[in-house]
Protein backbone atom coordinates (compact mmCIF):
# COMPACT_ATOMS: atom_id res chain seq x y z
CA MET A 1 134.16 75.29 64.09
CA ASN A 2 131.62 76.85 66.45
CA PHE A 3 128.03 75.85 65.57
CA LEU A 4 126.41 77.78 68.43
CA PRO A 5 124.76 81.08 67.55
CA ALA A 6 126.67 84.15 68.67
CA ALA A 7 123.97 85.03 71.20
CA CYS A 8 124.61 81.74 73.02
CA ASN A 9 128.27 82.66 73.49
CA ARG A 10 127.44 85.84 75.36
CA ILE A 11 127.70 85.58 79.14
CA ASN A 12 125.15 87.42 81.18
CA ALA A 13 127.46 89.75 83.11
CA GLU A 14 124.80 90.58 85.68
CA HIS A 15 124.24 86.89 86.45
CA VAL A 16 127.99 86.24 86.77
CA SER A 17 128.36 89.33 88.95
CA SER A 18 125.49 88.17 91.17
CA ASN A 19 126.97 84.66 91.48
CA THR A 20 130.42 86.07 92.20
CA GLN A 21 128.95 88.31 94.92
CA GLN A 22 127.12 85.32 96.48
CA ILE A 23 130.27 83.17 96.48
CA TYR A 24 132.30 86.02 97.97
CA GLU A 25 129.69 86.56 100.70
CA GLN A 26 129.61 82.83 101.50
CA THR A 27 133.39 82.88 101.81
CA LEU A 28 133.12 85.81 104.23
CA VAL A 29 130.58 83.89 106.31
CA LEU A 30 132.81 80.79 106.42
CA ARG A 31 135.85 82.86 107.37
CA SER A 32 133.81 84.65 110.04
CA GLN A 33 132.70 81.30 111.46
CA LEU A 34 136.38 80.44 111.84
CA GLY A 35 136.99 83.62 113.82
CA ASP A 36 138.29 85.92 111.07
CA GLU A 37 137.37 89.37 112.40
CA ALA A 38 138.28 91.16 109.14
CA ALA A 39 135.78 88.94 107.28
CA PHE A 40 133.10 89.72 109.87
CA ALA A 41 133.84 93.44 109.49
CA GLU A 42 133.22 93.05 105.74
CA LEU A 43 129.90 91.29 106.42
CA LEU A 44 129.00 94.19 108.68
CA ALA A 45 129.89 96.67 105.93
CA LEU A 46 127.81 94.71 103.37
CA HIS A 47 124.70 94.15 105.46
CA GLY A 48 124.94 96.82 108.16
CA PRO A 49 123.13 99.55 106.19
CA HIS A 50 120.29 97.16 105.26
CA LEU A 51 119.79 95.89 108.81
CA LEU A 52 119.92 99.48 110.10
CA SER A 53 117.29 100.56 107.56
CA PHE A 54 115.05 97.58 108.41
CA THR A 55 115.35 98.28 112.14
CA ARG A 56 114.68 101.98 111.62
CA ASN A 57 111.53 101.21 109.59
CA MET A 58 110.28 98.72 112.17
CA MET A 59 111.00 101.05 115.13
CA ARG A 60 109.54 104.24 113.65
CA SER A 61 107.77 105.15 116.89
CA SER A 62 111.03 104.83 118.88
CA PRO A 63 113.89 106.15 116.72
CA GLU A 64 116.09 106.73 119.78
CA GLN A 65 116.24 102.95 120.34
CA VAL A 66 117.49 102.05 116.86
CA GLU A 67 121.26 102.33 117.31
CA ASP A 68 121.33 100.32 120.55
CA LEU A 69 119.05 97.71 119.03
CA VAL A 70 121.26 97.38 115.93
CA GLN A 71 124.27 96.85 118.22
CA GLU A 72 122.37 94.04 119.99
CA ILE A 73 121.40 92.52 116.64
CA TRP A 74 124.99 92.41 115.39
CA LEU A 75 126.20 90.97 118.70
CA ALA A 76 123.56 88.21 118.37
CA ILE A 77 124.64 87.59 114.75
CA TYR A 78 128.30 87.37 115.82
CA ARG A 79 127.50 84.93 118.62
CA GLY A 80 125.15 82.81 116.51
CA LEU A 81 127.29 82.66 113.39
CA PRO A 82 129.13 79.42 114.30
CA ARG A 83 125.73 77.65 114.40
CA LEU A 84 124.64 78.80 110.92
CA ARG A 85 124.69 75.65 108.79
CA ASP A 86 123.74 77.03 105.36
CA VAL A 87 126.13 79.90 104.64
CA GLY A 88 124.13 80.70 101.49
CA ARG A 89 121.25 81.82 103.67
CA PHE A 90 123.14 84.33 105.79
CA ARG A 91 120.99 87.30 104.74
CA PRO A 92 117.54 85.92 105.67
CA TRP A 93 119.07 84.38 108.81
CA ALA A 94 120.51 87.76 109.87
CA PHE A 95 117.20 89.51 109.18
CA ARG A 96 115.40 86.84 111.20
CA ILE A 97 117.65 87.65 114.18
CA ALA A 98 116.89 91.36 113.67
CA ARG A 99 113.16 90.65 113.52
CA ASP A 100 113.28 88.56 116.71
CA ARG A 101 115.13 91.33 118.58
CA ILE A 102 112.70 93.97 117.33
CA TYR A 103 109.66 91.97 118.46
CA ARG A 104 111.34 91.32 121.81
CA GLU A 105 111.73 95.09 122.15
CA TYR A 106 108.03 95.57 121.27
CA ARG A 107 107.08 93.18 124.07
CA ARG A 108 109.53 94.71 126.56
CA ARG A 109 108.17 98.21 125.96
CA LYS A 110 104.60 96.92 125.76
CA MET A 111 104.27 98.36 122.27
CA PRO A 112 100.98 97.29 120.67
CA ILE A 113 101.19 94.39 118.24
CA GLN A 114 97.81 94.01 116.60
CA PRO A 115 96.95 90.41 115.76
CA LEU A 116 96.21 89.84 112.09
CA GLU A 117 92.80 88.68 110.95
CA GLU A 118 92.41 84.98 110.19
CA GLY A 119 91.20 85.78 106.68
CA GLU A 120 94.69 86.94 105.80
CA MET A 121 96.09 83.43 105.88
CA GLU A 122 94.37 82.30 102.70
CA GLU A 123 96.50 81.53 99.65
CA LEU A 124 96.79 84.39 97.16
CA SER A 125 98.69 84.63 93.91
CA GLU A 126 101.12 87.45 93.23
CA ALA A 127 98.81 88.52 90.41
CA GLY A 128 96.11 89.09 93.02
CA GLU A 129 97.89 92.09 94.55
CA PRO A 130 96.16 95.48 94.49
CA SER A 131 96.79 97.52 91.39
CA GLY A 132 98.70 100.76 91.42
CA ALA A 133 102.40 101.00 92.12
CA LEU A 134 103.55 102.86 95.19
CA ASP A 135 106.86 104.65 95.30
CA ARG A 136 109.30 104.50 98.21
CA GLU A 137 108.40 107.96 99.52
CA GLU A 138 104.70 107.09 99.65
CA MET A 139 105.51 103.87 101.48
CA GLN A 140 107.70 105.68 104.01
CA ARG A 141 104.84 108.07 104.79
CA GLY A 142 102.36 105.29 105.47
CA LEU A 143 104.49 102.63 107.19
CA GLU A 144 103.90 103.87 110.72
CA ALA A 145 100.14 103.34 110.39
CA LEU A 146 100.60 99.62 109.65
CA SER A 147 100.81 96.65 112.00
CA PRO A 148 104.37 95.31 112.49
CA GLU A 149 103.55 92.20 110.43
CA HIS A 150 102.36 94.31 107.51
CA ARG A 151 105.19 96.79 107.84
CA GLU A 152 107.89 94.11 107.84
CA VAL A 153 106.69 92.34 104.68
CA LEU A 154 106.53 95.61 102.75
CA VAL A 155 109.98 96.68 103.94
CA LEU A 156 111.51 93.28 103.13
CA CYS A 157 109.79 93.03 99.74
CA PHE A 158 110.05 96.57 98.40
CA PHE A 159 113.01 98.11 100.23
CA GLU A 160 115.22 95.04 100.72
CA GLU A 161 114.01 93.39 97.49
CA MET A 162 113.81 89.95 99.08
CA SER A 163 112.08 87.07 97.34
CA TYR A 164 108.91 85.65 98.86
CA GLU A 165 110.95 82.58 99.89
CA GLU A 166 113.45 84.76 101.77
CA ILE A 167 110.63 86.71 103.45
CA ALA A 168 109.05 83.41 104.52
CA ARG A 169 112.37 82.43 106.16
CA VAL A 170 112.74 85.79 107.90
CA THR A 171 109.16 85.78 109.22
CA ASP A 172 109.00 82.00 109.81
CA THR A 173 105.80 81.68 107.77
CA THR A 174 104.64 79.96 104.58
CA LEU A 175 104.77 81.39 101.07
CA GLY A 176 100.98 81.64 101.07
CA THR A 177 101.07 83.70 104.26
CA VAL A 178 103.73 85.99 102.79
CA ARG A 179 101.66 86.56 99.64
CA SER A 180 98.57 87.20 101.73
CA ARG A 181 100.34 89.62 104.09
CA ILE A 182 101.85 91.59 101.21
CA TYR A 183 98.42 91.82 99.56
CA TYR A 184 96.72 93.06 102.73
CA ALA A 185 99.67 95.27 103.69
CA ARG A 186 99.46 97.09 100.35
CA ARG A 187 95.72 97.57 100.85
CA ALA A 188 96.25 98.85 104.41
CA LEU A 189 99.03 101.17 103.22
CA LYS A 190 96.83 102.57 100.45
CA THR A 191 94.03 103.21 102.97
CA ALA A 192 96.47 104.89 105.40
CA LEU A 193 97.81 107.15 102.65
CA GLU A 194 94.29 108.09 101.51
CA ARG A 195 93.40 109.06 105.10
CA LYS A 196 96.48 111.28 105.32
CA MET A 197 95.41 113.10 102.17
CA ILE A 198 91.95 113.94 103.58
C-alpha cells in the first residue's frame, strides 16, 4: 500500500527535463574532449546562438567584427576544451572565453573601457535592485550607452538568464560584485533610456 500523498508521486517534468538536458550536455562535452567532432558540432548548435548574441551585444559599436570574433571564440573553445576539468560548467567557461576575447578586441582597437567607481563594489542584496521592470526591447535600446562591465552583467542576467554564481564565474568576480554591478547597471540603463526620451 502506498502511504505517500498523490502529490508526492508526481515528478516535476521541468526539473527532469532540465537535468536530462544537463546530463546530455555534459556527455557532449566529454565526447568533444575525446575528439568527437559530431559532439562538438552539437555543442556549437546548442550554444552558438547564445555566444553570437552575447558577442553582438558586447560589440554594438563594431557589428562588422562580430562574425570573425565569434569564429575566434569557438576556435579558442575547441582548443581549450581538453583542459576543462568540470564539464558541468561548460557554459560559464565558454562565456568567459568569449568575454576575454571581446575585451582583448576592445584593447586592440583602443575602444574605451571606463573604469567602474569604487563604490560599486559594496555588497548589495538582490532585493536592493531598482524598481521597475525593463523589457528586452528597452534594454536593447540602452545597452550601447553603458560601460562594458555594466552591459555584460545585464546581458548575462536578463538575456542569457544566468545565475549570479554563473555570472561571477564568467566575469571572474565575487557574488557581491555581481549584485552591485547589476544594481548600478540597471540604474545607468534607466538613466540612458530617460535621456533618449528627452
